[in-house]
Amino acid sequence: MRTVVPTSPPADPLVTDAPALGAAIRAARTGARVTVLEAAAAIGVSRQTMVNIETGKGAVALPIVLRAAAELGVTLFAVSSADRDLVRRAILNTRRGAGDGA
């Protein structure tokens, strides 16, 4: 069995493209020590589809990407552009506080 090495989540919680979302999904998967094959089986997709989700490449239907995110514990927020920076700063400040043991 392969050892899964955790990867860090993206520093910025703002997801603007498929690769950024894929990086967050990959970080959640590796943080849980789940292999690509195990995640694919749990979600009900092929290994290649899981790789495509994590790299942001290929054409993967949005419902499948959202299911992968949910299964791996990645939460998405729909925030208006007027509130985007406020919410982004709040998330970043919360992360910094958690990293300080607060």
N, C-alpha and C. Protein backbone atom coordinates (compact mmCIF):
# COMPACT_ATOMS: atom_id res chain seq x y z
N MET A 1 0.84 -1.18 0.00
CA MET A 1 0.00 0.00 0.00
C MET A 1 0.88 1.24 0.00
N ARG A 2 0.50 2.19 -0.79
CA ARG A 2 1.27 3.43 -0.89
C ARG A 2 1.00 4.33 0.31
N THR A 3 2.03 5.04 0.72
CA THR A 3 1.90 6.01 1.79
C THR A 3 1.42 7.32 1.18
N VAL A 4 0.41 7.91 1.80
CA VAL A 4 -0.12 9.18 1.31
C VAL A 4 0.54 10.30 2.10
N VAL A 5 1.19 11.19 1.38
CA VAL A 5 1.87 12.32 2.01
C VAL A 5 0.94 13.53 1.96
N PRO A 6 0.59 14.08 3.12
CA PRO A 6 -0.31 15.24 3.12
C PRO A 6 0.28 16.43 2.36
N THR A 7 -0.58 17.11 1.63
CA THR A 7 -0.18 18.35 0.97
C THR A 7 -0.90 19.50 1.66
N SER A 8 -0.31 20.65 1.64
CA SER A 8 -0.91 21.82 2.28
C SER A 8 -2.06 22.34 1.45
N PRO A 9 -3.09 22.84 2.12
CA PRO A 9 -4.19 23.47 1.37
C PRO A 9 -3.69 24.78 0.76
N PRO A 10 -4.38 25.26 -0.26
CA PRO A 10 -3.98 26.55 -0.83
C PRO A 10 -3.97 27.63 0.24
N ALA A 11 -3.01 28.52 0.16
CA ALA A 11 -2.90 29.60 1.15
C ALA A 11 -4.10 30.53 1.08
N ASP A 12 -4.63 30.72 -0.12
CA ASP A 12 -5.75 31.63 -0.33
C ASP A 12 -7.04 30.82 -0.47
N PRO A 13 -8.05 31.10 0.35
CA PRO A 13 -9.30 30.35 0.27
C PRO A 13 -10.17 30.73 -0.93
N LEU A 14 -9.80 31.77 -1.66
CA LEU A 14 -10.57 32.19 -2.82
C LEU A 14 -10.32 31.24 -3.98
N VAL A 15 -11.36 30.58 -4.44
CA VAL A 15 -11.26 29.65 -5.56
C VAL A 15 -11.74 30.37 -6.81
N THR A 16 -10.82 30.55 -7.74
CA THR A 16 -11.16 31.27 -8.96
C THR A 16 -11.11 30.39 -10.20
N ASP A 17 -10.62 29.15 -10.04
CA ASP A 17 -10.53 28.26 -11.20
C ASP A 17 -10.50 26.81 -10.74
N ALA A 18 -10.59 25.91 -11.70
CA ALA A 18 -10.62 24.48 -11.40
C ALA A 18 -9.34 23.99 -10.71
N PRO A 19 -8.15 24.44 -11.13
CA PRO A 19 -6.96 23.98 -10.43
C PRO A 19 -6.93 24.38 -8.94
N ALA A 20 -7.44 25.55 -8.60
CA ALA A 20 -7.47 25.97 -7.19
C ALA A 20 -8.41 25.09 -6.39
N LEU A 21 -9.57 24.77 -6.95
CA LEU A 21 -10.51 23.88 -6.26
C LEU A 21 -9.91 22.49 -6.16
N GLY A 22 -9.28 22.04 -7.22
CA GLY A 22 -8.64 20.72 -7.20
C GLY A 22 -7.56 20.63 -6.15
N ALA A 23 -6.78 21.69 -5.98
CA ALA A 23 -5.73 21.70 -4.96
C ALA A 23 -6.32 21.58 -3.56
N ALA A 24 -7.45 22.23 -3.33
CA ALA A 24 -8.12 22.13 -2.02
C ALA A 24 -8.64 20.71 -1.79
N ILE A 25 -9.19 20.12 -2.83
CA ILE A 25 -9.69 18.75 -2.72
C ILE A 25 -8.54 17.78 -2.48
N ARG A 26 -7.44 17.97 -3.19
CA ARG A 26 -6.27 17.10 -3.00
C ARG A 26 -5.72 17.23 -1.59
N ALA A 27 -5.64 18.46 -1.08
CA ALA A 27 -5.13 18.66 0.28
C ALA A 27 -6.03 17.95 1.30
N ALA A 28 -7.34 18.01 1.09
CA ALA A 28 -8.26 17.32 2.01
C ALA A 28 -8.07 15.81 1.93
N ARG A 29 -7.93 15.30 0.71
CA ARG A 29 -7.74 13.86 0.54
C ARG A 29 -6.45 13.39 1.17
N THR A 30 -5.35 14.07 0.87
CA THR A 30 -4.06 13.64 1.41
C THR A 30 -3.99 13.85 2.91
N GLY A 31 -4.64 14.90 3.40
CA GLY A 31 -4.68 15.13 4.84
C GLY A 31 -5.40 14.01 5.58
N ALA A 32 -6.36 13.39 4.91
CA ALA A 32 -7.08 12.25 5.48
C ALA A 32 -6.35 10.94 5.23
N ARG A 33 -5.19 11.01 4.55
CA ARG A 33 -4.38 9.82 4.22
C ARG A 33 -5.13 8.82 3.34
N VAL A 34 -5.93 9.37 2.42
CA VAL A 34 -6.71 8.56 1.49
C VAL A 34 -6.01 8.59 0.14
N THR A 35 -5.85 7.44 -0.49
CA THR A 35 -5.22 7.39 -1.81
C THR A 35 -6.21 7.87 -2.87
N VAL A 36 -5.68 8.20 -4.03
CA VAL A 36 -6.53 8.60 -5.16
C VAL A 36 -7.52 7.48 -5.49
N LEU A 37 -7.04 6.26 -5.50
CA LEU A 37 -7.89 5.12 -5.83
C LEU A 37 -8.99 4.93 -4.80
N GLU A 38 -8.67 5.08 -3.53
CA GLU A 38 -9.69 4.96 -2.47
C GLU A 38 -10.73 6.06 -2.58
N ALA A 39 -10.28 7.28 -2.84
CA ALA A 39 -11.22 8.40 -2.98
C ALA A 39 -12.12 8.19 -4.18
N ALA A 40 -11.53 7.77 -5.28
CA ALA A 40 -12.32 7.53 -6.49
C ALA A 40 -13.39 6.47 -6.23
N ALA A 41 -13.02 5.40 -5.57
CA ALA A 41 -13.98 4.34 -5.28
C ALA A 41 -15.09 4.83 -4.36
N ALA A 42 -14.74 5.62 -3.36
CA ALA A 42 -15.75 6.14 -2.43
C ALA A 42 -16.73 7.08 -3.12
N ILE A 43 -16.25 7.83 -4.08
CA ILE A 43 -17.08 8.80 -4.79
C ILE A 43 -17.83 8.15 -5.94
N GLY A 44 -17.30 7.04 -6.42
CA GLY A 44 -17.93 6.33 -7.52
C GLY A 44 -17.49 6.81 -8.88
N VAL A 45 -16.20 7.20 -8.97
CA VAL A 45 -15.64 7.65 -10.24
C VAL A 45 -14.37 6.86 -10.51
N SER A 46 -13.84 7.00 -11.72
CA SER A 46 -12.59 6.33 -12.05
C SER A 46 -11.42 7.07 -11.41
N ARG A 47 -10.29 6.37 -11.34
CA ARG A 47 -9.07 6.99 -10.82
C ARG A 47 -8.71 8.21 -11.67
N GLN A 48 -8.83 8.09 -13.00
CA GLN A 48 -8.49 9.20 -13.88
C GLN A 48 -9.39 10.41 -13.63
N THR A 49 -10.67 10.18 -13.37
CA THR A 49 -11.57 11.30 -13.07
C THR A 49 -11.14 11.99 -11.80
N MET A 50 -10.73 11.22 -10.79
CA MET A 50 -10.26 11.82 -9.54
C MET A 50 -9.00 12.64 -9.78
N VAL A 51 -8.10 12.11 -10.59
CA VAL A 51 -6.88 12.86 -10.94
C VAL A 51 -7.27 14.15 -11.67
N ASN A 52 -8.22 14.07 -12.59
CA ASN A 52 -8.66 15.27 -13.32
C ASN A 52 -9.27 16.30 -12.38
N ILE A 53 -10.03 15.86 -11.39
CA ILE A 53 -10.61 16.78 -10.41
C ILE A 53 -9.49 17.50 -9.67
N GLU A 54 -8.51 16.75 -9.20
CA GLU A 54 -7.45 17.33 -8.39
C GLU A 54 -6.50 18.24 -9.17
N THR A 55 -6.37 17.99 -10.45
CA THR A 55 -5.48 18.83 -11.26
C THR A 55 -6.22 19.96 -11.97
N GLY A 56 -7.55 19.88 -11.97
CA GLY A 56 -8.33 20.89 -12.67
C GLY A 56 -8.27 20.74 -14.17
N LYS A 57 -7.87 19.57 -14.63
CA LYS A 57 -7.76 19.31 -16.06
C LYS A 57 -8.84 18.34 -16.49
N GLY A 58 -9.12 18.32 -17.77
CA GLY A 58 -10.15 17.42 -18.27
C GLY A 58 -11.53 18.00 -18.01
N ALA A 59 -12.50 17.37 -18.59
CA ALA A 59 -13.88 17.84 -18.43
C ALA A 59 -14.59 16.94 -17.42
N VAL A 60 -14.76 17.44 -16.21
CA VAL A 60 -15.48 16.70 -15.17
C VAL A 60 -16.72 17.51 -14.84
N ALA A 61 -17.86 16.87 -14.83
CA ALA A 61 -19.13 17.56 -14.56
C ALA A 61 -19.13 18.15 -13.16
N LEU A 62 -19.70 19.33 -13.04
CA LEU A 62 -19.74 20.04 -11.77
C LEU A 62 -20.35 19.21 -10.64
N PRO A 63 -21.46 18.50 -10.86
CA PRO A 63 -22.00 17.70 -9.76
C PRO A 63 -21.00 16.67 -9.22
N ILE A 64 -20.16 16.13 -10.07
CA ILE A 64 -19.16 15.15 -9.63
C ILE A 64 -18.08 15.85 -8.80
N VAL A 65 -17.64 17.01 -9.24
CA VAL A 65 -16.64 17.76 -8.49
C VAL A 65 -17.20 18.16 -7.13
N LEU A 66 -18.44 18.61 -7.10
CA LEU A 66 -19.05 18.99 -5.83
C LEU A 66 -19.21 17.78 -4.90
N ARG A 67 -19.53 16.62 -5.45
CA ARG A 67 -19.64 15.42 -4.64
C ARG A 67 -18.27 15.04 -4.06
N ALA A 68 -17.24 15.14 -4.88
CA ALA A 68 -15.88 14.85 -4.41
C ALA A 68 -15.51 15.80 -3.27
N ALA A 69 -15.79 17.08 -3.47
CA ALA A 69 -15.48 18.07 -2.43
C ALA A 69 -16.21 17.74 -1.13
N ALA A 70 -17.49 17.47 -1.23
CA ALA A 70 -18.28 17.18 -0.04
C ALA A 70 -17.79 15.91 0.66
N GLU A 71 -17.52 14.87 -0.10
CA GLU A 71 -17.06 13.60 0.49
C GLU A 71 -15.73 13.76 1.21
N LEU A 72 -14.90 14.68 0.73
CA LEU A 72 -13.58 14.87 1.32
C LEU A 72 -13.54 16.03 2.31
N GLY A 73 -14.69 16.64 2.58
CA GLY A 73 -14.76 17.67 3.61
C GLY A 73 -14.39 19.07 3.16
N VAL A 74 -14.45 19.33 1.87
CA VAL A 74 -14.17 20.68 1.36
C VAL A 74 -15.50 21.41 1.21
N THR A 75 -15.60 22.56 1.85
CA THR A 75 -16.82 23.34 1.82
C THR A 75 -16.65 24.53 0.89
N LEU A 76 -17.66 24.78 0.09
CA LEU A 76 -17.66 25.93 -0.81
C LEU A 76 -18.71 26.92 -0.33
N PHE A 77 -18.41 28.21 -0.45
CA PHE A 77 -19.35 29.26 -0.11
C PHE A 77 -19.65 30.06 -1.36
N ALA A 78 -20.91 30.41 -1.55
CA ALA A 78 -21.29 31.32 -2.63
C ALA A 78 -21.45 32.70 -1.99
N VAL A 79 -20.53 33.58 -2.32
CA VAL A 79 -20.50 34.90 -1.70
C VAL A 79 -20.57 35.95 -2.80
N SER A 80 -21.37 36.97 -2.57
CA SER A 80 -21.47 38.03 -3.57
C SER A 80 -20.13 38.75 -3.70
N SER A 81 -19.91 39.32 -4.87
CA SER A 81 -18.64 40.02 -5.09
C SER A 81 -18.47 41.17 -4.11
N ALA A 82 -19.57 41.76 -3.66
CA ALA A 82 -19.48 42.86 -2.70
C ALA A 82 -18.93 42.40 -1.35
N ASP A 83 -19.19 41.13 -0.99
CA ASP A 83 -18.75 40.60 0.30
C ASP A 83 -17.51 39.72 0.21
N ARG A 84 -17.02 39.49 -0.98
CA ARG A 84 -15.94 38.53 -1.19
C ARG A 84 -14.70 38.84 -0.36
N ASP A 85 -14.21 40.07 -0.41
CA ASP A 85 -12.99 40.39 0.33
C ASP A 85 -13.18 40.30 1.84
N LEU A 86 -14.33 40.70 2.32
CA LEU A 86 -14.63 40.62 3.74
C LEU A 86 -14.61 39.16 4.22
N VAL A 87 -15.27 38.28 3.48
CA VAL A 87 -15.32 36.87 3.85
C VAL A 87 -13.94 36.24 3.73
N ARG A 88 -13.23 36.56 2.68
CA ARG A 88 -11.88 36.02 2.48
C ARG A 88 -10.96 36.40 3.63
N ARG A 89 -11.00 37.68 4.04
CA ARG A 89 -10.17 38.12 5.16
C ARG A 89 -10.56 37.42 6.46
N ALA A 90 -11.86 37.23 6.66
CA ALA A 90 -12.33 36.55 7.87
C ALA A 90 -11.81 35.12 7.93
N ILE A 91 -11.85 34.43 6.80
CA ILE A 91 -11.35 33.05 6.76
C ILE A 91 -9.85 33.03 7.01
N LEU A 92 -9.11 33.92 6.38
CA LEU A 92 -7.67 33.97 6.58
C LEU A 92 -7.33 34.29 8.03
N ASN A 93 -8.05 35.21 8.64
CA ASN A 93 -7.79 35.55 10.04
C ASN A 93 -8.11 34.38 10.96
N THR A 94 -9.15 33.63 10.65
CA THR A 94 -9.50 32.45 11.45
C THR A 94 -8.41 31.41 11.35
N ARG A 95 -7.89 31.20 10.15
CA ARG A 95 -6.80 30.24 9.96
C ARG A 95 -5.57 30.65 10.76
N ARG A 96 -5.24 31.93 10.72
CA ARG A 96 -4.07 32.41 11.45
C ARG A 96 -4.26 32.20 12.95
N GLY A 97 -5.45 32.46 13.43
CA GLY A 97 -5.75 32.27 14.85
C GLY A 97 -5.66 30.81 15.25
N ALA A 98 -6.13 29.93 14.37
CA ALA A 98 -6.07 28.49 14.66
C ALA A 98 -4.63 28.01 14.68
N GLY A 99 -3.81 28.59 13.81
CA GLY A 99 -2.40 28.20 13.76
C GLY A 99 -1.63 28.67 14.98
N ASP A 100 -2.14 29.69 15.67
CA ASP A 100 -1.49 30.21 16.86
C ASP A 100 -1.95 29.52 18.12
N GLY A 101 -2.85 28.53 17.98
CA GLY A 101 -3.37 27.84 19.14
C GLY A 101 -4.50 28.58 19.81
N ALA A 102 -5.02 29.60 19.13
CA ALA A 102 -6.10 30.40 19.72
C ALA A 102 -7.42 29.67 19.60
